[in-house]
C-alpha cells in the first residue's frame, strides 16, 4: 500500500497541502490572539515528517537540516534581540513556526519568505502608525482592530508570505528561480 501511495501521489502537492492546512489556522490565531498553538504546529510537523518519510525519504535529511538550522539561528537572533530590547521581540512560537516552514520550503526559499514577511510587517507597522485602526480580515467579526497595540503578529506575515512563495514556486518555477537568484 505504501508503495502504491509513493508512486501515485505527488510529494510536493501533499507537502504543500499539509503546509497550507497548518498555516491557515495559525494565521488566524496569531492575528486574533498573538499565539501560535503547539497543537496545530505539532500536528502539522508530525504529518509533514510522516509524509516526507514515506514520499521522499531521500530528502528527509536535508529538510531536517534546513529546519534545524533555522530553529537554532532564529532562537539565537531572538536571544540577541532581547539583550537590546526590553521585551521579547521574537517569541518561541515564531521560532518553531519558522522551523516548520523551513522544513517545507528549504533554507533558501525560507530566507526569501522571511525577508518578504519582514518587509510586509514593516509596511504594516508604518501604515498603522499613521492610522488609528487598520482592518485585518480573518476574525469572527470579519475585522480585527488592533490599534493601540504595539505588537505585530509576525507569525501571520511569515505564514502568508511562505504560502504565497510556495504557490508561486509551484506555478512558475522558472521565473521564481530567476527572481530568487536575481538572474535577469
Protein backbone atom coordinates (compact mmCIF):
# COMPACT_ATOMS: atom_id res chain seq x y z
CA UNK A 1 0.00 0.00 0.00
CA UNK A 2 2.81 2.41 0.86
CA UNK A 3 4.44 1.62 -2.48
CA UNK A 4 1.17 2.46 -4.26
CA UNK A 5 0.95 5.79 -2.44
CA UNK A 6 4.55 6.72 -3.21
CA UNK A 7 4.12 6.02 -6.92
CA UNK A 8 0.77 7.76 -7.42
CA UNK A 9 0.88 10.81 -5.14
CA UNK A 10 2.96 13.87 -5.93
CA UNK A 11 5.12 14.54 -2.88
CA UNK A 12 5.28 18.29 -3.49
CA UNK A 13 1.50 18.59 -3.65
CA UNK A 14 1.00 16.56 -0.48
CA UNK A 15 3.56 18.59 1.45
CA UNK A 16 2.10 21.87 0.14
CA UNK A 17 -1.34 20.73 1.26
CA UNK A 18 -0.04 19.91 4.73
CA UNK A 19 1.71 23.29 4.84
CA UNK A 20 -1.45 25.16 3.84
CA UNK A 21 -3.70 23.20 6.20
CA UNK A 22 -1.35 24.01 9.06
CA UNK A 23 -0.56 27.66 8.28
CA UNK A 24 -4.08 28.93 7.55
CA UNK A 25 -5.38 28.33 11.10
CA UNK A 26 -2.09 29.64 12.50
CA UNK A 27 -2.50 32.90 10.60
CA UNK A 28 -5.90 33.41 12.20
CA UNK A 29 -4.84 32.53 15.76
CA UNK A 30 -1.76 34.70 15.55
CA UNK A 31 -3.76 37.69 14.28
CA UNK A 32 -6.54 37.17 16.81
CA UNK A 33 -4.64 36.13 19.96
CA UNK A 34 -0.92 36.70 19.20
CA UNK A 35 -0.47 32.99 19.84
CA UNK A 36 0.84 30.11 17.75
CA UNK A 37 -0.74 26.97 19.22
CA UNK A 38 1.54 23.98 19.71
CA UNK A 39 -1.34 21.60 18.98
CA UNK A 40 -1.66 22.81 15.41
CA UNK A 41 2.09 23.15 14.85
CA UNK A 42 2.97 19.73 16.30
CA UNK A 43 0.18 18.04 14.34
CA UNK A 44 1.40 19.65 11.12
CA UNK A 45 5.00 18.75 11.92
CA UNK A 46 4.18 15.10 12.57
CA UNK A 47 2.10 14.90 9.38
CA UNK A 48 4.98 16.51 7.45
CA UNK A 49 7.56 14.11 8.86
CA UNK A 50 5.37 11.13 8.06
CA UNK A 51 4.58 12.33 4.53
CA UNK A 52 8.19 13.24 3.75
CA UNK A 53 9.43 9.97 5.22
CA UNK A 54 7.07 7.97 3.03
CA UNK A 55 7.01 10.04 -0.17
CA UNK A 56 10.54 11.49 -0.36
CA UNK A 57 12.80 9.66 2.11
CA UNK A 58 15.94 10.81 0.28
CA UNK A 59 15.11 14.47 1.02
CA UNK A 60 14.30 13.95 4.71
CA UNK A 61 17.83 14.64 5.91
CA UNK A 62 18.20 17.92 4.04
CA UNK A 63 14.73 19.02 5.15
CA UNK A 64 15.58 18.31 8.79
CA UNK A 65 18.91 20.11 8.42
CA UNK A 66 17.24 23.23 6.98
CA UNK A 67 14.61 23.15 9.70
CA UNK A 68 17.16 22.69 12.48
CA UNK A 69 19.39 25.43 11.15
CA UNK A 70 16.52 27.90 11.04
CA UNK A 71 15.38 26.89 14.53
CA UNK A 72 18.82 27.42 16.06
CA UNK A 73 19.54 30.58 14.06
CA UNK A 74 16.27 32.34 14.88
CA UNK A 75 16.43 31.27 18.51
CA UNK A 76 19.87 32.89 18.79
CA UNK A 77 18.64 36.00 16.97
CA UNK A 78 15.71 36.22 19.40
CA UNK A 79 18.04 35.91 22.40
CA UNK A 80 20.39 38.54 20.97
CA UNK A 81 17.46 40.90 20.30
CA UNK A 82 16.24 40.52 23.88
CA UNK A 83 19.54 42.00 25.05
CA UNK A 84 18.82 45.25 23.21
CA UNK A 85 15.02 45.35 23.56
CA UNK A 86 13.34 45.37 26.96
CA UNK A 87 10.61 42.90 25.95
CA UNK A 88 10.76 39.73 23.94
CA UNK A 89 10.86 40.66 20.25
CA UNK A 90 10.62 37.17 18.79
CA UNK A 91 8.53 34.56 20.57
CA UNK A 92 9.39 30.89 20.73
CA UNK A 93 6.21 30.14 18.77
CA UNK A 94 7.58 32.21 15.88
CA UNK A 95 10.84 30.26 16.04
CA UNK A 96 9.04 26.88 15.96
CA UNK A 97 6.84 28.13 13.12
CA UNK A 98 9.94 29.16 11.19
CA UNK A 99 11.43 25.70 11.62
CA UNK A 100 8.21 24.12 10.37
CA UNK A 101 8.14 26.39 7.33
CA UNK A 102 11.83 25.76 6.58
CA UNK A 103 11.15 22.01 6.60
CA UNK A 104 8.72 22.55 3.73
CA UNK A 105 10.42 25.32 1.81
CA UNK A 106 14.12 24.71 2.30
CA UNK A 107 16.61 27.25 3.60
CA UNK A 108 16.81 29.48 0.51
CA UNK A 109 13.06 29.86 0.00
CA UNK A 110 12.63 30.33 3.74
CA UNK A 111 15.07 33.24 3.70
CA UNK A 112 13.08 34.82 0.85
CA UNK A 113 9.87 34.30 2.83
CA UNK A 114 11.46 35.76 5.97
CA UNK A 115 12.67 38.82 4.07
CA UNK A 116 9.28 39.32 2.42
CA UNK A 117 7.48 38.86 5.74
CA UNK A 118 9.73 41.42 7.41
CA UNK A 119 9.03 43.89 4.60
CA UNK A 120 5.27 43.28 4.85
CA UNK A 121 5.32 43.63 8.65
CA UNK A 122 7.33 46.84 8.39
CA UNK A 123 4.87 48.26 5.86
CA UNK A 124 2.00 47.24 8.14
CA UNK A 125 3.67 48.96 11.12
CA UNK A 126 4.34 52.16 9.18
CA UNK A 127 0.79 52.37 7.85
CA UNK A 128 -0.63 51.54 11.28
CA UNK A 129 1.49 54.28 12.79
CA UNK A 130 -0.28 56.84 10.63
CA UNK A 131 -3.78 55.42 11.06
CA UNK A 132 -5.62 54.65 14.25
CA UNK A 133 -7.18 51.40 13.08
CA UNK A 134 -6.33 49.11 10.20
CA UNK A 135 -8.88 46.44 9.38
CA UNK A 136 -7.32 42.99 9.15
CA UNK A 137 -9.59 40.21 7.89
CA UNK A 138 -9.65 36.69 9.32
CA UNK A 139 -11.65 37.16 12.53
CA UNK A 140 -15.12 36.10 13.61
CA UNK A 141 -16.46 39.60 13.20
CA UNK A 142 -14.75 39.93 9.82
CA UNK A 143 -12.42 42.68 11.04
CA UNK A 144 -9.76 42.70 13.74
CA UNK A 145 -8.97 46.12 15.16
CA UNK A 146 -5.50 46.09 16.66
CA UNK A 147 -5.00 49.81 17.19
CA UNK A 148 -3.33 50.73 20.43
CA UNK A 149 -1.24 47.55 20.49
CA UNK A 150 2.48 47.65 19.93
CA UNK A 151 2.81 44.01 18.90
CA UNK A 152 2.70 42.84 15.31
CA UNK A 153 1.65 39.25 14.58
CA UNK A 154 4.85 38.38 12.71
CA UNK A 155 3.96 34.69 12.50
CA UNK A 156 0.97 35.62 10.37
CA UNK A 157 3.13 37.58 7.95
CA UNK A 158 5.69 34.77 7.78
CA UNK A 159 2.96 32.18 7.19
CA UNK A 160 1.21 34.20 4.50
CA UNK A 161 4.39 35.03 2.60
CA UNK A 162 5.54 31.41 2.81
CA UNK A 163 2.27 30.20 1.31
CA UNK A 164 2.43 32.78 -1.47
CA UNK A 165 6.05 31.95 -2.31
CA UNK A 166 5.37 28.19 -2.25
CA UNK A 167 2.43 28.62 -4.61
CA UNK A 168 4.46 30.91 -6.85
CA UNK A 169 7.26 28.35 -6.94
CA UNK A 170 4.84 25.58 -7.91
CA UNK A 171 3.05 27.67 -10.56
CA UNK A 172 6.01 29.43 -12.19
CA UNK A 173 9.22 27.61 -11.19
CA UNK A 174 11.44 29.10 -13.90
CA UNK A 175 10.60 32.74 -13.22
CA UNK A 176 10.70 32.05 -9.47
CA UNK A 177 14.22 30.62 -9.66
CA UNK A 178 15.33 33.61 -11.72
CA UNK A 179 13.82 36.01 -9.17
CA UNK A 180 15.35 34.14 -6.26
CA UNK A 181 18.84 34.09 -7.72
CA UNK A 182 18.47 37.57 -9.26
CA UNK A 183 19.40 36.37 -12.74
CA UNK A 184 17.96 38.64 -15.46
